[in-house]
Amino acid sequence: MTRKLPTTTVMINGAALREIRIRTGLSVAALAVDVGVSRPYIARLELGHSLRVSPQVYDAILRALMIIDRRALLAAPDPDLAVAS
């Protein structure tokens, strides 16, 4: 029997992602390349069609946008509510 390990995801605020991306002067395509995901995936995040990302993708977005405060893109203000198992 194979046991599936729980996957942790982070709820992301798509509107904040879009606003910060635009203010930093990055296109959707450039952010996607920097993060290592597809352009449509970034668009889905920004439009709220995808609400959660892996911690690795979240960290890559923070690095690409040069965000220091990890809470900047969280959908829930309480970090304990933003991470789900």
PDB file of N, CA and C in Angstrom:
ATOM      1  N   MET A   1       0.841  -1.179   0.000  1.00  0.00           N
ATOM      2  CA  MET A   1       0.000   0.000   0.000  1.00  0.00           C
ATOM      3  C   MET A   1       0.885   1.240   0.000  1.00  0.00           C
ATOM      4  N   THR A   2       0.611   2.162  -0.902  1.00  0.00           N
ATOM      5  CA  THR A   2       1.375   3.397  -0.994  1.00  0.00           C
ATOM      6  C   THR A   2       0.670   4.481  -0.213  1.00  0.00           C
ATOM      7  N   ARG A   3       1.421   5.113   0.664  1.00  0.00           N
ATOM      8  CA  ARG A   3       0.854   6.196   1.467  1.00  0.00           C
ATOM      9  C   ARG A   3       1.200   7.524   0.825  1.00  0.00           C
ATOM     10  N   LYS A   4       0.191   8.350   0.604  1.00  0.00           N
ATOM     11  CA  LYS A   4       0.398   9.649  -0.008  1.00  0.00           C
ATOM     12  C   LYS A   4       0.706  10.677   1.083  1.00  0.00           C
ATOM     13  N   LEU A   5       1.802  11.399   0.914  1.00  0.00           N
ATOM     14  CA  LEU A   5       2.169  12.426   1.876  1.00  0.00           C
ATOM     15  C   LEU A   5       1.338  13.680   1.632  1.00  0.00           C
ATOM     16  N   PRO A   6       0.983  14.404   2.706  1.00  0.00           N
ATOM     17  CA  PRO A   6       0.210  15.626   2.515  1.00  0.00           C
ATOM     18  C   PRO A   6       1.024  16.679   1.759  1.00  0.00           C
ATOM     19  N   THR A   7       0.334  17.410   0.922  1.00  0.00           N
ATOM     20  CA  THR A   7       0.970  18.470   0.158  1.00  0.00           C
ATOM     21  C   THR A   7       0.625  19.802   0.806  1.00  0.00           C
ATOM     22  N   THR A   8       1.622  20.602   1.065  1.00  0.00           N
ATOM     23  CA  THR A   8       1.396  21.917   1.637  1.00  0.00           C
ATOM     24  C   THR A   8       1.318  22.933   0.506  1.00  0.00           C
ATOM     25  N   THR A   9       0.336  23.814   0.597  1.00  0.00           N
ATOM     26  CA  THR A   9       0.199  24.870  -0.390  1.00  0.00           C
ATOM     27  C   THR A   9       0.036  26.211   0.314  1.00  0.00           C
ATOM     28  N   VAL A  10       0.234  27.279  -0.436  1.00  0.00           N
ATOM     29  CA  VAL A  10       0.127  28.624   0.100  1.00  0.00           C
ATOM     30  C   VAL A  10      -0.954  29.360  -0.686  1.00  0.00           C
ATOM     31  N   MET A  11      -1.901  29.970   0.030  1.00  0.00           N
ATOM     32  CA  MET A  11      -2.934  30.784  -0.612  1.00  0.00           C
ATOM     33  C   MET A  11      -2.312  32.104  -1.034  1.00  0.00           C
ATOM     34  N   ILE A  12      -2.528  32.484  -2.281  1.00  0.00           N
ATOM     35  CA  ILE A  12      -1.895  33.685  -2.813  1.00  0.00           C
ATOM     36  C   ILE A  12      -2.955  34.705  -3.246  1.00  0.00           C
ATOM     37  N   ASN A  13      -2.659  35.975  -3.040  1.00  0.00           N
ATOM     38  CA  ASN A  13      -3.546  37.071  -3.433  1.00  0.00           C
ATOM     39  C   ASN A  13      -3.187  37.473  -4.862  1.00  0.00           C
ATOM     40  N   GLY A  14      -4.007  37.049  -5.812  1.00  0.00           N
ATOM     41  CA  GLY A  14      -3.725  37.296  -7.223  1.00  0.00           C
ATOM     42  C   GLY A  14      -3.698  38.768  -7.596  1.00  0.00           C
ATOM     43  N   ALA A  15      -4.603  39.555  -7.013  1.00  0.00           N
ATOM     44  CA  ALA A  15      -4.637  40.987  -7.314  1.00  0.00           C
ATOM     45  C   ALA A  15      -3.355  41.671  -6.843  1.00  0.00           C
ATOM     46  N   ALA A  16      -2.882  41.288  -5.660  1.00  0.00           N
ATOM     47  CA  ALA A  16      -1.627  41.858  -5.148  1.00  0.00           C
ATOM     48  C   ALA A  16      -0.455  41.421  -6.025  1.00  0.00           C
ATOM     49  N   LEU A  17      -0.462  40.167  -6.458  1.00  0.00           N
ATOM     50  CA  LEU A  17       0.587  39.671  -7.347  1.00  0.00           C
ATOM     51  C   LEU A  17       0.643  40.516  -8.614  1.00  0.00           C
ATOM     52  N   ARG A  18      -0.510  40.755  -9.214  1.00  0.00           N
ATOM     53  CA  ARG A  18      -0.566  41.548 -10.450  1.00  0.00           C
ATOM     54  C   ARG A  18      -0.072  42.969 -10.222  1.00  0.00           C
ATOM     55  N   GLU A  19      -0.541  43.595  -9.148  1.00  0.00           N
ATOM     56  CA  GLU A  19      -0.149  44.975  -8.848  1.00  0.00           C
ATOM     57  C   GLU A  19       1.359  45.099  -8.635  1.00  0.00           C
ATOM     58  N   ILE A  20       1.929  44.211  -7.850  1.00  0.00           N
ATOM     59  CA  ILE A  20       3.370  44.266  -7.583  1.00  0.00           C
ATOM     60  C   ILE A  20       4.166  43.948  -8.843  1.00  0.00           C
ATOM     61  N   ARG A  21       3.685  42.985  -9.625  1.00  0.00           N
ATOM     62  CA  ARG A  21       4.382  42.651 -10.878  1.00  0.00           C
ATOM     63  C   ARG A  21       4.414  43.863 -11.807  1.00  0.00           C
ATOM     64  N   ILE A  22       3.288  44.527 -11.957  1.00  0.00           N
ATOM     65  CA  ILE A  22       3.220  45.707 -12.826  1.00  0.00           C
ATOM     66  C   ILE A  22       4.130  46.814 -12.299  1.00  0.00           C
ATOM     67  N   ARG A  23       4.092  47.052 -10.996  1.00  0.00           N
ATOM     68  CA  ARG A  23       4.931  48.109 -10.403  1.00  0.00           C
ATOM     69  C   ARG A  23       6.424  47.820 -10.536  1.00  0.00           C
ATOM     70  N   THR A  24       6.770  46.533 -10.587  1.00  0.00           N
ATOM     71  CA  THR A  24       8.187  46.187 -10.771  1.00  0.00           C
ATOM     72  C   THR A  24       8.593  46.200 -12.236  1.00  0.00           C
ATOM     73  N   GLY A  25       7.617  46.360 -13.123  1.00  0.00           N
ATOM     74  CA  GLY A  25       7.926  46.466 -14.544  1.00  0.00           C
ATOM     75  C   GLY A  25       8.124  45.143 -15.253  1.00  0.00           C
ATOM     76  N   LEU A  26       7.693  44.058 -14.633  1.00  0.00           N
ATOM     77  CA  LEU A  26       7.830  42.741 -15.257  1.00  0.00           C
ATOM     78  C   LEU A  26       6.565  42.385 -16.026  1.00  0.00           C
ATOM     79  N   SER A  27       6.739  41.776 -17.171  1.00  0.00           N
ATOM     80  CA  SER A  27       5.596  41.238 -17.903  1.00  0.00           C
ATOM     81  C   SER A  27       5.220  39.893 -17.295  1.00  0.00           C
ATOM     82  N   VAL A  28       4.036  39.413 -17.639  1.00  0.00           N
ATOM     83  CA  VAL A  28       3.618  38.085 -17.186  1.00  0.00           C
ATOM     84  C   VAL A  28       4.622  37.042 -17.675  1.00  0.00           C
ATOM     85  N   ALA A  29       5.032  37.171 -18.929  1.00  0.00           N
ATOM     86  CA  ALA A  29       5.981  36.204 -19.504  1.00  0.00           C
ATOM     87  C   ALA A  29       7.323  36.231 -18.779  1.00  0.00           C
ATOM     88  N   ALA A  30       7.819  37.426 -18.464  1.00  0.00           N
ATOM     89  CA  ALA A  30       9.116  37.531 -17.774  1.00  0.00           C
ATOM     90  C   ALA A  30       9.032  36.939 -16.376  1.00  0.00           C
ATOM     91  N   LEU A  31       7.933  37.211 -15.663  1.00  0.00           N
ATOM     92  CA  LEU A  31       7.767  36.640 -14.321  1.00  0.00           C
ATOM     93  C   LEU A  31       7.700  35.121 -14.407  1.00  0.00           C
ATOM     94  N   ALA A  32       6.973  34.610 -15.385  1.00  0.00           N
ATOM     95  CA  ALA A  32       6.853  33.161 -15.545  1.00  0.00           C
ATOM     96  C   ALA A  32       8.225  32.524 -15.756  1.00  0.00           C
ATOM     97  N   VAL A  33       9.049  33.141 -16.587  1.00  0.00           N
ATOM     98  CA  VAL A  33      10.399  32.613 -16.834  1.00  0.00           C
ATOM     99  C   VAL A  33      11.214  32.648 -15.547  1.00  0.00           C
ATOM    100  N   ASP A  34      11.163  33.769 -14.830  1.00  0.00           N
ATOM    101  CA  ASP A  34      11.923  33.904 -13.578  1.00  0.00           C
ATOM    102  C   ASP A  34      11.497  32.875 -12.535  1.00  0.00           C
ATOM    103  N   VAL A  35      10.205  32.590 -12.492  1.00  0.00           N
ATOM    104  CA  VAL A  35       9.662  31.660 -11.491  1.00  0.00           C
ATOM    105  C   VAL A  35       9.821  30.205 -11.932  1.00  0.00           C
ATOM    106  N   GLY A  36       9.853  29.983 -13.251  1.00  0.00           N
ATOM    107  CA  GLY A  36       9.985  28.622 -13.758  1.00  0.00           C
ATOM    108  C   GLY A  36       8.650  27.945 -13.986  1.00  0.00           C
ATOM    109  N   VAL A  37       7.629  28.766 -14.290  1.00  0.00           N
ATOM    110  CA  VAL A  37       6.298  28.235 -14.574  1.00  0.00           C
ATOM    111  C   VAL A  37       5.836  28.808 -15.908  1.00  0.00           C
ATOM    112  N   SER A  38       4.651  28.405 -16.351  1.00  0.00           N
ATOM    113  CA  SER A  38       4.144  28.895 -17.636  1.00  0.00           C
ATOM    114  C   SER A  38       3.482  30.268 -17.482  1.00  0.00           C
ATOM    115  N   ARG A  39       3.407  30.985 -18.586  1.00  0.00           N
ATOM    116  CA  ARG A  39       2.750  32.291 -18.600  1.00  0.00           C
ATOM    117  C   ARG A  39       1.263  32.150 -18.238  1.00  0.00           C
ATOM    118  N   PRO A  40       0.552  31.149 -18.804  1.00  0.00           N
ATOM    119  CA  PRO A  40      -0.857  30.989 -18.419  1.00  0.00           C
ATOM    120  C   PRO A  40      -1.045  30.721 -16.919  1.00  0.00           C
ATOM    121  N   TYR A  41      -0.087  30.056 -16.296  1.00  0.00           N
ATOM    122  CA  TYR A  41      -0.196  29.788 -14.856  1.00  0.00           C
ATOM    123  C   TYR A  41      -0.150  31.091 -14.069  1.00  0.00           C
ATOM    124  N   ILE A  42       0.769  31.990 -14.419  1.00  0.00           N
ATOM    125  CA  ILE A  42       0.837  33.297 -13.749  1.00  0.00           C
ATOM    126  C   ILE A  42      -0.463  34.053 -13.979  1.00  0.00           C
ATOM    127  N   ALA A  43      -0.981  34.015 -15.197  1.00  0.00           N
ATOM    128  CA  ALA A  43      -2.252  34.696 -15.507  1.00  0.00           C
ATOM    129  C   ALA A  43      -3.394  34.132 -14.661  1.00  0.00           C
ATOM    130  N   ARG A  44      -3.458  32.800 -14.509  1.00  0.00           N
ATOM    131  CA  ARG A  44      -4.504  32.181 -13.689  1.00  0.00           C
ATOM    132  C   ARG A  44      -4.398  32.628 -12.234  1.00  0.00           C
ATOM    133  N   LEU A  45      -3.163  32.747 -11.734  1.00  0.00           N
ATOM    134  CA  LEU A  45      -2.966  33.222 -10.362  1.00  0.00           C
ATOM    135  C   LEU A  45      -3.473  34.651 -10.215  1.00  0.00           C
ATOM    136  N   GLU A  46      -3.072  35.506 -11.133  1.00  0.00           N
ATOM    137  CA  GLU A  46      -3.456  36.913 -11.056  1.00  0.00           C
ATOM    138  C   GLU A  46      -4.966  37.110 -11.171  1.00  0.00           C
ATOM    139  N   LEU A  47      -5.620  36.289 -11.968  1.00  0.00           N
ATOM    140  CA  LEU A  47      -7.067  36.403 -12.163  1.00  0.00           C
ATOM    141  C   LEU A  47      -7.878  35.685 -11.085  1.00  0.00           C
ATOM    142  N   GLY A  48      -7.189  34.967 -10.196  1.00  0.00           N
ATOM    143  CA  GLY A  48      -7.876  34.266  -9.122  1.00  0.00           C
ATOM    144  C   GLY A  48      -8.448  32.921  -9.519  1.00  0.00           C
ATOM    145  N   HIS A  49      -8.073  32.425 -10.706  1.00  0.00           N
ATOM    146  CA  HIS A  49      -8.544  31.109 -11.137  1.00  0.00           C
ATOM    147  C   HIS A  49      -7.769  29.990 -10.443  1.00  0.00           C
ATOM    148  N   SER A  50      -6.548  30.267 -10.044  1.00  0.00           N
ATOM    149  CA  SER A  50      -5.753  29.369  -9.205  1.00  0.00           C
ATOM    150  C   SER A  50      -5.470  30.142  -7.932  1.00  0.00           C
ATOM    151  N   LEU A  51      -5.796  29.550  -6.795  1.00  0.00           N
ATOM    152  CA  LEU A  51      -5.692  30.266  -5.525  1.00  0.00           C
ATOM    153  C   LEU A  51      -4.511  29.837  -4.673  1.00  0.00           C
ATOM    154  N   ARG A  52      -3.924  28.683  -4.995  1.00  0.00           N
ATOM    155  CA  ARG A  52      -2.845  28.155  -4.156  1.00  0.00           C
ATOM    156  C   ARG A  52      -1.638  27.799  -5.004  1.00  0.00           C
ATOM    157  N   VAL A  53      -0.472  27.961  -4.398  1.00  0.00           N
ATOM    158  CA  VAL A  53       0.790  27.588  -5.055  1.00  0.00           C
ATOM    159  C   VAL A  53       1.606  26.770  -4.071  1.00  0.00           C
ATOM    160  N   SER A  54       2.580  26.069  -4.595  1.00  0.00           N
ATOM    161  CA  SER A  54       3.487  25.326  -3.717  1.00  0.00           C
ATOM    162  C   SER A  54       4.400  26.325  -3.004  1.00  0.00           C
ATOM    163  N   PRO A  55       4.946  25.943  -1.867  1.00  0.00           N
ATOM    164  CA  PRO A  55       5.890  26.834  -1.187  1.00  0.00           C
ATOM    165  C   PRO A  55       7.078  27.201  -2.077  1.00  0.00           C
ATOM    166  N   GLN A  56       7.501  26.277  -2.943  1.00  0.00           N
ATOM    167  CA  GLN A  56       8.629  26.543  -3.837  1.00  0.00           C
ATOM    168  C   GLN A  56       8.273  27.631  -4.854  1.00  0.00           C
ATOM    169  N   VAL A  57       7.080  27.551  -5.408  1.00  0.00           N
ATOM    170  CA  VAL A  57       6.637  28.570  -6.374  1.00  0.00           C
ATOM    171  C   VAL A  57       6.457  29.903  -5.654  1.00  0.00           C
ATOM    172  N   TYR A  58       5.877  29.884  -4.455  1.00  0.00           N
ATOM    173  CA  TYR A  58       5.691  31.119  -3.689  1.00  0.00           C
ATOM    174  C   TYR A  58       7.038  31.796  -3.438  1.00  0.00           C
ATOM    175  N   ASP A  59       8.020  31.028  -3.001  1.00  0.00           N
ATOM    176  CA  ASP A  59       9.357  31.576  -2.759  1.00  0.00           C
ATOM    177  C   ASP A  59       9.973  32.139  -4.040  1.00  0.00           C
ATOM    178  N   ALA A  60       9.786  31.444  -5.156  1.00  0.00           N
ATOM    179  CA  ALA A  60      10.331  31.911  -6.433  1.00  0.00           C
ATOM    180  C   ALA A  60       9.671  33.217  -6.860  1.00  0.00           C
ATOM    181  N   ILE A  61       8.366  33.355  -6.620  1.00  0.00           N
ATOM    182  CA  ILE A  61       7.666  34.603  -6.951  1.00  0.00           C
ATOM    183  C   ILE A  61       8.214  35.739  -6.090  1.00  0.00           C
ATOM    184  N   LEU A  62       8.371  35.483  -4.804  1.00  0.00           N
ATOM    185  CA  LEU A  62       8.921  36.510  -3.908  1.00  0.00           C
ATOM    186  C   LEU A  62      10.303  36.962  -4.374  1.00  0.00           C
ATOM    187  N   ARG A  63      11.147  36.009  -4.747  1.00  0.00           N
ATOM    188  CA  ARG A  63      12.498  36.352  -5.224  1.00  0.00           C
ATOM    189  C   ARG A  63      12.436  37.148  -6.524  1.00  0.00           C
ATOM    190  N   ALA A  64      11.606  36.703  -7.459  1.00  0.00           N
ATOM    191  CA  ALA A  64      11.520  37.366  -8.769  1.00  0.00           C
ATOM    192  C   ALA A  64      11.029  38.804  -8.638  1.00  0.00           C
ATOM    193  N   LEU A  65      10.124  39.031  -7.677  1.00  0.00           N
ATOM    194  CA  LEU A  65       9.575  40.375  -7.485  1.00  0.00           C
ATOM    195  C   LEU A  65      10.346  41.169  -6.426  1.00  0.00           C
ATOM    196  N   MET A  66      11.415  40.561  -5.900  1.00  0.00           N
ATOM    197  CA  MET A  66      12.262  41.191  -4.884  1.00  0.00           C
ATOM    198  C   MET A  66      11.462  41.624  -3.655  1.00  0.00           C
ATOM    199  N   ILE A  67      10.563  40.752  -3.220  1.00  0.00           N
ATOM    200  CA  ILE A  67       9.728  41.011  -2.046  1.00  0.00           C
ATOM    201  C   ILE A  67      10.420  40.420  -0.823  1.00  0.00           C
ATOM    202  N   ILE A  68      10.590  41.233   0.194  1.00  0.00           N
ATOM    203  CA  ILE A  68      11.254  40.795   1.421  1.00  0.00           C
ATOM    204  C   ILE A  68      10.240  40.243   2.427  1.00  0.00           C
ATOM    205  N   ASP A  69       9.114  40.915   2.575  1.00  0.00           N
ATOM    206  CA  ASP A  69       8.091  40.495   3.537  1.00  0.00           C
ATOM    207  C   ASP A  69       7.270  39.358   2.943  1.00  0.00           C
ATOM    208  N   ARG A  70       7.425  38.161   3.479  1.00  0.00           N
ATOM    209  CA  ARG A  70       6.750  36.970   2.953  1.00  0.00           C
ATOM    210  C   ARG A  70       5.233  37.087   2.979  1.00  0.00           C
ATOM    211  N   ARG A  71       4.692  37.991   3.798  1.00  0.00           N
ATOM    212  CA  ARG A  71       3.240  38.142   3.911  1.00  0.00           C
ATOM    213  C   ARG A  71       2.641  38.973   2.774  1.00  0.00           C
ATOM    214  N   ALA A  72       3.456  39.605   1.967  1.00  0.00           N
ATOM    215  CA  ALA A  72       2.984  40.555   0.959  1.00  0.00           C
ATOM    216  C   ALA A  72       1.964  39.974  -0.015  1.00  0.00           C
ATOM    217  N   LEU A  73       2.093  38.727  -0.359  1.00  0.00           N
ATOM    218  CA  LEU A  73       1.197  38.119  -1.345  1.00  0.00           C
ATOM    219  C   LEU A  73       0.226  37.102  -0.753  1.00  0.00           C
ATOM    220  N   LEU A  74       0.215  36.980   0.558  1.00  0.00           N
ATOM    221  CA  LEU A  74      -0.684  36.014   1.176  1.00  0.00           C
ATOM    222  C   LEU A  74      -2.131  36.469   1.056  1.00  0.00           C
ATOM    223  N   ALA A  75      -3.022  35.542   0.739  1.00  0.00           N
ATOM    224  CA  ALA A  75      -4.441  35.857   0.631  1.00  0.00           C
ATOM    225  C   ALA A  75      -5.062  36.063   2.004  1.00  0.00           C
ATOM    226  N   ALA A  76      -4.558  35.373   3.006  1.00  0.00           N
ATOM    227  CA  ALA A  76      -5.052  35.508   4.375  1.00  0.00           C
ATOM    228  C   ALA A  76      -4.004  36.263   5.190  1.00  0.00           C
ATOM    229  N   PRO A  77      -4.428  37.299   5.931  1.00  0.00           N
ATOM    230  CA  PRO A  77      -3.448  38.084   6.683  1.00  0.00           C
ATOM    231  C   PRO A  77      -2.730  37.286   7.769  1.00  0.00           C
ATOM    232  N   ASP A  78      -3.367  36.255   8.293  1.00  0.00           N
ATOM    233  CA  ASP A  78      -2.744  35.416   9.313  1.00  0.00           C
ATOM    234  C   ASP A  78      -2.013  34.282   8.612  1.00  0.00           C
ATOM    235  N   PRO A  79      -0.663  34.247   8.690  1.00  0.00           N
ATOM    236  CA  PRO A  79       0.095  33.208   7.983  1.00  0.00           C
ATOM    237  C   PRO A  79      -0.339  31.792   8.322  1.00  0.00           C
ATOM    238  N   ASP A  80      -0.881  31.575   9.533  1.00  0.00           N
ATOM    239  CA  ASP A  80      -1.325  30.237   9.895  1.00  0.00           C
ATOM    240  C   ASP A  80      -2.545  29.810   9.081  1.00  0.00           C
ATOM    241  N   LEU A  81      -3.334  30.781   8.620  1.00  0.00           N
ATOM    242  CA  LEU A  81      -4.505  30.463   7.808  1.00  0.00           C
ATOM    243  C   LEU A  81      -4.153  30.290   6.343  1.00  0.00           C
ATOM    244  N   ALA A  82      -3.016  30.820   5.924  1.00  0.00           N
ATOM    245  CA  ALA A  82      -2.660  30.800   4.514  1.00  0.00           C
ATOM    246  C   ALA A  82      -2.032  29.490   4.066  1.00  0.00           C
ATOM    247  N   VAL A  83      -1.517  28.718   4.994  1.00  0.00           N
ATOM    248  CA  VAL A  83      -0.856  27.461   4.645  1.00  0.00           C
ATOM    249  C   VAL A  83      -1.794  26.309   4.984  1.00  0.00           C
ATOM    250  N   ALA A  84      -2.050  25.466   4.016  1.00  0.00           N
ATOM    251  CA  ALA A  84      -2.927  24.320   4.222  1.00  0.00           C
ATOM    252  C   ALA A  84      -2.187  23.033   3.934  1.00  0.00           C
ATOM    253  N   SER A  85      -2.540  22.016   4.661  1.00  0.00           N
ATOM    254  CA  SER A  85      -1.933  20.698   4.422  1.00  0.00           C
ATOM    255  C   SER A  85      -2.906  19.820   3.696  1.00  0.00           C
TER     256      SER A  85
END
